[in-house]
């Protein structure tokens, strides 16, 4: 496979050499008829005394380059369109999956419909892969790599993509069932005593919520000074204790997802490569605060203890929070 620079001044082309393989006229006709379903149209010609196929990919972007700007929703749509192409091949007795190119530099992305365009080489016998098992394994690694380079994969999808025994149907099912993290948060059950108890977290005796007193002044009828009661808590803040970059993350009545991928989180930490794309989530509701790790690589710590994935821990003013290699301290936000 190689890219041609000078065949035309107004189009972009890729050339594939059949080498010693014989061209399959039947496959060539089938792929041309299926071009609207995700295949680049092949043009068969003689070039520099050798025969080759030329594919025009004008208007499409390289998928690897596109991964830098698409989100997980678009990645999922893109991968499902890849399986649509594979299904066309499998359902057509004249085509061969081993002639489908999965080289990352030659898979193209259409920004308009978020689907892929693929190169199929219509030659007799296998070309890119020796057998269907090699094709399936390459497909599995291709999906896994593009997914991890785009954003956060859930544990179930990761498990399927890491299993070398996963067949094409299982891989497709994993992509179909995958939901981007920000759209995959289950609805919370009815609240009992705030956000932590609604998620099944039981507070220890020393973390029970204190009654919030009214902020209105109390007048003593016998005379004397007016007593102002303690202020209530409107939220919490994670305050970064490093000297190199000032950062204060405030959470009021809701959730805050923290990480370094701006498309997937509420609060970006851009200055540490140790922070995962989607690292942890901090919650505050009805005077209670909690934190959970979202499967980060370098962990989330509360007062020196590393959290298990999806474990919810209550936090309060004065607690020390460590996100990867960054130290924060919890502060109350007063009403």
Protein backbone atom coordinates (compact mmCIF):
# COMPACT_ATOMS: atom_id res chain seq x y z
CA UNK A 1 0.00 0.00 0.00
CA UNK A 2 1.28 3.44 -0.77
CA UNK A 3 -0.06 6.94 -1.17
CA UNK A 4 0.18 8.57 -4.58
CA UNK A 5 0.96 12.27 -4.73
CA UNK A 6 0.83 13.17 -8.44
CA UNK A 7 -1.84 11.13 -10.19
CA UNK A 8 -4.17 14.12 -10.04
CA UNK A 9 -3.85 17.67 -8.81
CA UNK A 10 -7.39 17.84 -7.40
CA UNK A 11 -7.84 14.43 -5.81
CA UNK A 12 -6.12 12.30 -3.20
CA UNK A 13 -5.34 8.68 -3.96
CA UNK A 14 -4.02 5.47 -2.48
CA UNK A 15 -2.57 2.72 -4.65
CA UNK A 16 -2.57 -0.98 -3.77
CA UNK A 17 -0.40 -3.37 -5.76
CA UNK A 18 -1.86 -6.85 -6.35
CA UNK A 19 1.70 -8.15 -6.75
CA UNK A 20 1.46 -11.73 -8.04
CA UNK A 21 -2.22 -12.09 -7.17
CA UNK A 22 -4.83 -12.38 -9.85
CA UNK A 23 -7.54 -9.75 -9.99
CA UNK A 24 -11.04 -11.00 -9.24
CA UNK A 25 -13.37 -9.28 -11.70
CA UNK A 26 -16.37 -10.55 -9.78
CA UNK A 27 -15.17 -9.05 -6.46
CA UNK A 28 -14.31 -5.83 -8.25
CA UNK A 29 -17.90 -5.50 -9.53
CA UNK A 30 -19.39 -6.38 -6.13
CA UNK A 31 -17.28 -3.80 -4.26
CA UNK A 32 -18.12 -1.09 -6.78
CA UNK A 33 -21.82 -1.82 -6.29
CA UNK A 34 -21.37 -1.73 -2.49
CA UNK A 35 -19.33 1.48 -2.47
CA UNK A 36 -22.12 3.46 -0.79
CA UNK A 37 -21.99 1.04 2.14
CA UNK A 38 -18.52 1.96 3.35
CA UNK A 39 -15.97 0.88 0.74
CA UNK A 40 -13.76 3.17 -1.29
CA UNK A 41 -14.29 2.61 -5.01
CA UNK A 42 -11.35 0.73 -6.58
CA UNK A 43 -10.06 1.73 -10.03
CA UNK A 44 -7.97 -0.87 -11.79
CA UNK A 45 -5.21 0.49 -14.03
CA UNK A 46 -1.71 0.00 -15.33
CA UNK A 47 0.84 2.22 -13.62
CA UNK A 48 4.60 2.25 -14.31
CA UNK A 49 4.45 -1.11 -16.06
CA UNK A 50 2.60 -2.74 -13.18
CA UNK A 51 -1.07 -3.28 -12.49
CA UNK A 52 -2.59 -1.67 -9.43
CA UNK A 53 -5.80 -0.46 -7.82
CA UNK A 54 -6.27 3.24 -7.12
CA UNK A 55 -8.72 4.49 -4.47
CA UNK A 56 -9.88 8.08 -4.20
CA UNK A 57 -10.37 9.22 -0.59
CA UNK A 58 -11.03 12.90 -1.31
CA UNK A 59 -13.33 14.39 1.35
CA UNK A 60 -12.38 11.85 4.00
CA UNK A 61 -9.99 12.23 6.91
CA UNK A 62 -7.53 9.65 8.16
CA UNK A 63 -9.15 7.86 11.11
CA UNK A 64 -6.04 8.04 13.31
CA UNK A 65 -5.87 11.81 12.85
CA UNK A 66 -9.62 12.10 13.47
CA UNK A 67 -9.34 10.34 16.84
CA UNK A 68 -7.77 13.51 18.22
CA UNK A 69 -10.98 15.45 17.77
CA UNK A 70 -13.90 12.98 18.00
CA UNK A 71 -15.63 11.85 21.18
CA UNK A 72 -16.61 8.35 22.29
CA UNK A 73 -20.09 8.67 20.80
CA UNK A 74 -18.59 9.26 17.36
CA UNK A 75 -16.03 6.50 17.92
CA UNK A 76 -18.84 4.03 18.63
CA UNK A 77 -20.74 5.10 15.47
CA UNK A 78 -17.53 4.76 13.51
CA UNK A 79 -16.84 1.23 14.80
CA UNK A 80 -20.41 0.12 14.11
CA UNK A 81 -20.05 1.28 10.50
CA UNK A 82 -16.90 -0.86 10.31
CA UNK A 83 -18.96 -3.89 11.37
CA UNK A 84 -21.55 -2.98 8.71
CA UNK A 85 -18.82 -3.38 6.08
CA UNK A 86 -17.74 -6.70 7.57
CA UNK A 87 -21.34 -7.89 7.57
CA UNK A 88 -21.66 -7.06 3.86
CA UNK A 89 -18.58 -9.19 3.21
CA UNK A 90 -19.82 -12.06 5.34
CA UNK A 91 -23.29 -12.04 3.76
CA UNK A 92 -21.88 -11.96 0.24
CA UNK A 93 -20.46 -15.29 -0.83
CA UNK A 94 -18.13 -13.66 -3.34
CA UNK A 95 -16.10 -11.47 -0.93
CA UNK A 96 -13.34 -12.33 1.53
CA UNK A 97 -12.70 -10.59 4.90
CA UNK A 98 -8.97 -11.32 4.54
CA UNK A 99 -8.85 -8.78 1.69
CA UNK A 100 -10.11 -5.92 3.85
CA UNK A 101 -7.40 -3.47 4.87
CA UNK A 102 -7.26 -2.62 8.60
CA UNK A 103 -3.98 -0.70 8.50
CA UNK A 104 -4.66 2.40 10.58
CA UNK A 105 -3.11 4.72 7.98
CA UNK A 106 -5.56 3.48 5.35
CA UNK A 107 -8.83 3.59 7.25
CA UNK A 108 -10.75 6.79 6.53
CA UNK A 109 -13.37 8.76 8.43
CA UNK A 110 -16.26 10.78 7.07
CA UNK A 111 -16.90 13.72 9.45
CA UNK A 112 -20.36 14.27 7.94
CA UNK A 113 -21.89 10.91 8.89
CA UNK A 114 -19.21 9.71 11.36
CA UNK A 115 -18.65 6.50 9.41
CA UNK A 116 -15.57 4.79 8.03
CA UNK A 117 -14.50 4.18 4.45
CA UNK A 118 -12.42 1.06 3.93
CA UNK A 119 -10.12 -0.34 1.27
CA UNK A 120 -11.03 -3.76 -0.08
CA UNK A 121 -8.56 -5.37 -2.47
CA UNK A 122 -10.50 -7.47 -5.04
CA UNK A 123 -8.01 -10.20 -5.75
CA UNK A 124 -8.25 -13.96 -5.68
CA UNK A 125 -7.18 -15.72 -2.46
CA UNK A 126 -6.17 -14.00 0.79
CA UNK A 127 -4.15 -10.78 0.64
CA UNK A 128 -3.89 -8.87 3.93
CA UNK A 129 -4.48 -11.80 6.33
CA UNK A 130 -3.64 -15.48 6.13
CA UNK A 131 -6.97 -16.60 7.59
CA UNK A 132 -10.11 -15.37 9.36
CA UNK A 133 -8.53 -15.86 12.81
CA UNK A 134 -5.72 -13.44 11.99
CA UNK A 135 -8.26 -10.98 10.59
CA UNK A 136 -10.42 -11.22 13.75
CA UNK A 137 -7.44 -10.71 16.06
CA UNK A 138 -6.31 -7.67 14.07
CA UNK A 139 -9.87 -6.30 14.17
CA UNK A 140 -10.00 -6.77 17.95
CA UNK A 141 -6.71 -4.92 18.45
CA UNK A 142 -7.78 -2.19 16.02
CA UNK A 143 -11.02 -1.52 17.95
CA UNK A 144 -9.24 -1.62 21.29
CA UNK A 145 -6.44 0.73 20.21
CA UNK A 146 -8.72 3.30 18.58
CA UNK A 147 -11.08 3.20 21.58
CA UNK A 148 -8.32 3.72 24.13
CA UNK A 149 -6.84 6.53 22.03
CA UNK A 150 -10.21 8.27 21.92
CA UNK A 151 -11.47 8.11 25.49
CA UNK A 152 -12.65 5.84 28.29
CA UNK A 153 -13.79 2.25 27.73
CA UNK A 154 -15.87 0.58 30.41
CA UNK A 155 -14.63 -2.59 32.11
CA UNK A 156 -16.95 -4.94 30.19
CA UNK A 157 -15.86 -3.61 26.80
CA UNK A 158 -12.22 -3.74 27.86
CA UNK A 159 -12.58 -7.37 28.91
CA UNK A 160 -14.03 -8.40 25.53
CA UNK A 161 -11.38 -6.48 23.60
CA UNK A 162 -8.61 -7.99 25.73
CA UNK A 163 -9.84 -11.57 25.18
CA UNK A 164 -8.04 -13.17 22.25
CA UNK A 165 -10.91 -15.68 21.96
CA UNK A 166 -13.49 -13.00 21.15
CA UNK A 167 -15.05 -13.65 17.75
CA UNK A 168 -16.51 -11.04 15.39
CA UNK A 169 -20.05 -11.37 16.77
CA UNK A 170 -18.84 -10.87 20.35
CA UNK A 171 -16.75 -7.85 19.33
CA UNK A 172 -19.73 -6.28 17.60
CA UNK A 173 -21.97 -6.93 20.62
CA UNK A 174 -19.41 -5.23 22.90
CA UNK A 175 -19.41 -2.11 20.69
CA UNK A 176 -23.22 -2.12 20.43
CA UNK A 177 -23.60 -2.34 24.21
CA UNK A 178 -20.93 0.27 24.92
CA UNK A 179 -22.19 3.64 26.08
CA UNK A 180 -19.87 6.64 26.48
CA UNK A 181 -19.16 7.31 30.14
CA UNK A 182 -20.90 10.66 30.34
CA UNK A 183 -24.08 9.09 28.93
CA UNK A 184 -23.78 5.88 30.90
CA UNK A 185 -24.37 7.08 34.47
CA UNK A 186 -27.36 5.16 35.85
CA UNK A 187 -30.25 7.11 37.27
CA UNK A 188 -29.91 7.55 41.00
CA UNK A 189 -32.54 5.98 43.24
CA UNK A 190 -34.73 8.10 45.47
CA UNK A 191 -32.70 9.98 48.02
CA UNK A 192 -32.86 9.09 51.65
CA UNK A 193 -30.42 11.30 53.50
CA UNK A 194 -28.47 12.83 50.66
CA UNK A 195 -26.43 11.67 47.68
CA UNK A 196 -24.18 9.18 49.50
CA UNK A 197 -26.94 7.25 51.19
CA UNK A 198 -28.87 7.13 47.92
CA UNK A 199 -25.89 5.35 46.39
CA UNK A 200 -25.73 2.82 49.19
CA UNK A 201 -22.92 4.44 51.15
CA UNK A 202 -23.14 4.10 54.93
CA UNK A 203 -21.52 6.85 56.90
CA UNK A 204 -19.40 6.15 59.92
CA UNK A 205 -20.28 7.77 63.25
CA UNK A 206 -17.75 10.56 62.86
CA UNK A 207 -18.99 11.58 59.40
CA UNK A 208 -22.70 11.96 60.19
CA UNK A 209 -24.22 15.14 58.89
CA UNK A 210 -24.63 17.86 61.43
CA UNK A 211 -27.98 19.65 61.50
CA UNK A 212 -27.88 22.80 59.45
CA UNK A 213 -29.14 25.69 61.50
CA UNK A 214 -31.03 28.58 60.04
CA UNK A 215 -28.88 31.47 58.88
CA UNK A 216 -31.49 33.99 60.10
CA UNK A 217 -30.61 36.00 63.22
CA UNK A 218 -32.21 34.98 66.55
CA UNK A 219 -33.47 37.88 68.71
CA UNK A 220 -33.48 37.38 72.50
CA UNK A 221 -36.63 39.02 73.82
CA UNK A 222 -35.01 39.71 77.17
CA UNK A 223 -32.64 42.12 75.47
CA UNK A 224 -28.95 41.86 74.72
CA UNK A 225 -26.98 41.19 71.55
CA UNK A 226 -28.38 39.35 68.54
CA UNK A 227 -26.87 35.87 68.11
CA UNK A 228 -25.85 34.84 64.56
CA UNK A 229 -25.85 31.06 64.12
CA UNK A 230 -23.19 29.10 62.19
CA UNK A 231 -23.37 29.27 58.41
CA UNK A 232 -24.49 26.22 56.48
CA UNK A 233 -22.43 24.48 53.77
CA UNK A 234 -23.24 25.29 50.14
CA UNK A 235 -20.65 22.93 48.67
CA UNK A 236 -17.04 21.83 48.83
CA UNK A 237 -13.87 22.79 47.04
CA UNK A 238 -10.78 20.74 46.20
CA UNK A 239 -7.84 23.09 46.49
CA UNK A 240 -4.58 22.10 44.80
CA UNK A 241 -1.65 22.45 47.17
CA UNK A 242 1.13 22.57 44.58
CA UNK A 243 3.04 25.77 43.96
CA UNK A 244 3.32 25.45 40.21
CA UNK A 245 -0.32 25.81 39.14
CA UNK A 246 -3.21 27.38 41.09
CA UNK A 247 -6.36 25.28 40.91
CA UNK A 248 -9.59 25.30 42.92
CA UNK A 249 -12.37 22.88 41.96
CA UNK A 250 -15.77 23.78 43.39
CA UNK A 251 -18.71 21.36 43.57
CA UNK A 252 -22.18 22.58 44.52
CA UNK A 253 -25.28 20.38 44.47
CA UNK A 254 -24.24 17.83 41.87
CA UNK A 255 -21.43 15.79 40.40
CA UNK A 256 -18.09 16.89 39.00
CA UNK A 257 -16.11 14.49 36.81
CA UNK A 258 -12.39 15.26 36.85
CA UNK A 259 -9.77 14.27 34.27
CA UNK A 260 -7.57 15.57 31.48
CA UNK A 261 -9.82 14.98 28.43
CA UNK A 262 -11.91 18.12 28.14
CA UNK A 263 -14.58 16.47 25.96
CA UNK A 264 -15.43 13.90 28.67
CA UNK A 265 -15.13 15.72 32.00
CA UNK A 266 -16.49 18.71 33.90
CA UNK A 267 -13.14 19.85 35.31
CA UNK A 268 -9.94 19.52 33.28
CA UNK A 269 -6.52 19.04 34.89
CA UNK A 270 -4.22 19.73 31.93
CA UNK A 271 -0.86 20.02 33.66
CA UNK A 272 -0.22 16.43 34.75
CA UNK A 273 0.23 13.49 32.38
CA UNK A 274 -0.35 11.14 35.33
CA UNK A 275 -4.04 12.11 35.49
CA UNK A 276 -6.29 9.81 33.43
CA UNK A 277 -8.60 11.08 30.71
CA UNK A 278 -11.57 10.45 33.00
CA UNK A 279 -10.08 10.08 36.48
CA UNK A 280 -12.57 10.50 39.35
CA UNK A 281 -15.94 11.96 40.32
CA UNK A 282 -16.74 14.23 43.27
CA UNK A 283 -20.35 14.52 44.51
CA UNK A 284 -22.12 17.01 46.76
CA UNK A 285 -25.78 17.03 47.72
CA UNK A 286 -27.82 17.99 50.78
CA UNK A 287 -24.74 18.85 52.79
CA UNK A 288 -22.91 15.58 52.05
CA UNK A 289 -19.83 15.08 49.89
CA UNK A 290 -18.22 11.98 48.44
CA UNK A 291 -15.61 10.92 45.90
CA UNK A 292 -15.13 7.85 43.72
CA UNK A 293 -12.39 6.66 41.39
CA UNK A 294 -13.46 5.92 37.80
CA UNK A 295 -10.85 3.28 36.98
CA UNK A 296 -7.89 5.66 36.70
CA UNK A 297 -4.40 4.33 36.04
CA UNK A 298 -2.65 6.12 38.91
CA UNK A 299 -5.43 6.13 41.46
CA UNK A 300 -7.43 8.44 43.70
CA UNK A 301 -6.52 8.63 47.38
CA UNK A 302 -8.37 9.91 50.47
CA UNK A 303 -6.14 10.59 53.47
CA UNK A 304 -3.52 8.24 52.07
CA UNK A 305 -5.87 5.33 51.23
CA UNK A 306 -6.28 4.38 47.59
CA UNK A 307 -9.89 3.94 46.50
CA UNK A 308 -11.14 0.88 44.68
CA UNK A 309 -12.81 1.54 41.33
CA UNK A 310 -16.39 2.81 41.89
CA UNK A 311 -15.93 2.80 45.70
CA UNK A 312 -17.66 5.85 47.18
CA UNK A 313 -16.00 7.49 50.18
CA UNK A 314 -17.34 10.37 52.24
CA UNK A 315 -15.12 13.45 52.40
CA UNK A 316 -15.21 16.59 54.51
CA UNK A 317 -13.28 19.78 55.13
CA UNK A 318 -9.65 19.09 56.00
CA UNK A 319 -9.42 15.74 54.19
CA UNK A 320 -6.40 15.21 51.95
CA UNK A 321 -7.24 14.11 48.42
CA UNK A 322 -4.60 12.86 46.00
CA UNK A 323 -5.47 12.62 42.30
CA UNK A 324 -2.65 10.66 40.66
CA UNK A 325 0.41 12.69 41.75
CA UNK A 326 -1.44 15.89 42.71
CA UNK A 327 -2.30 16.81 46.31
CA UNK A 328 -5.57 18.58 47.13
CA UNK A 329 -7.29 19.58 50.36
CA UNK A 330 -11.05 19.68 50.92
CA UNK A 331 -12.57 23.02 51.97
CA UNK A 332 -16.18 23.89 52.75
CA UNK A 333 -18.01 26.50 50.71
CA UNK A 334 -20.22 28.42 53.12
CA UNK A 335 -23.69 29.70 52.38
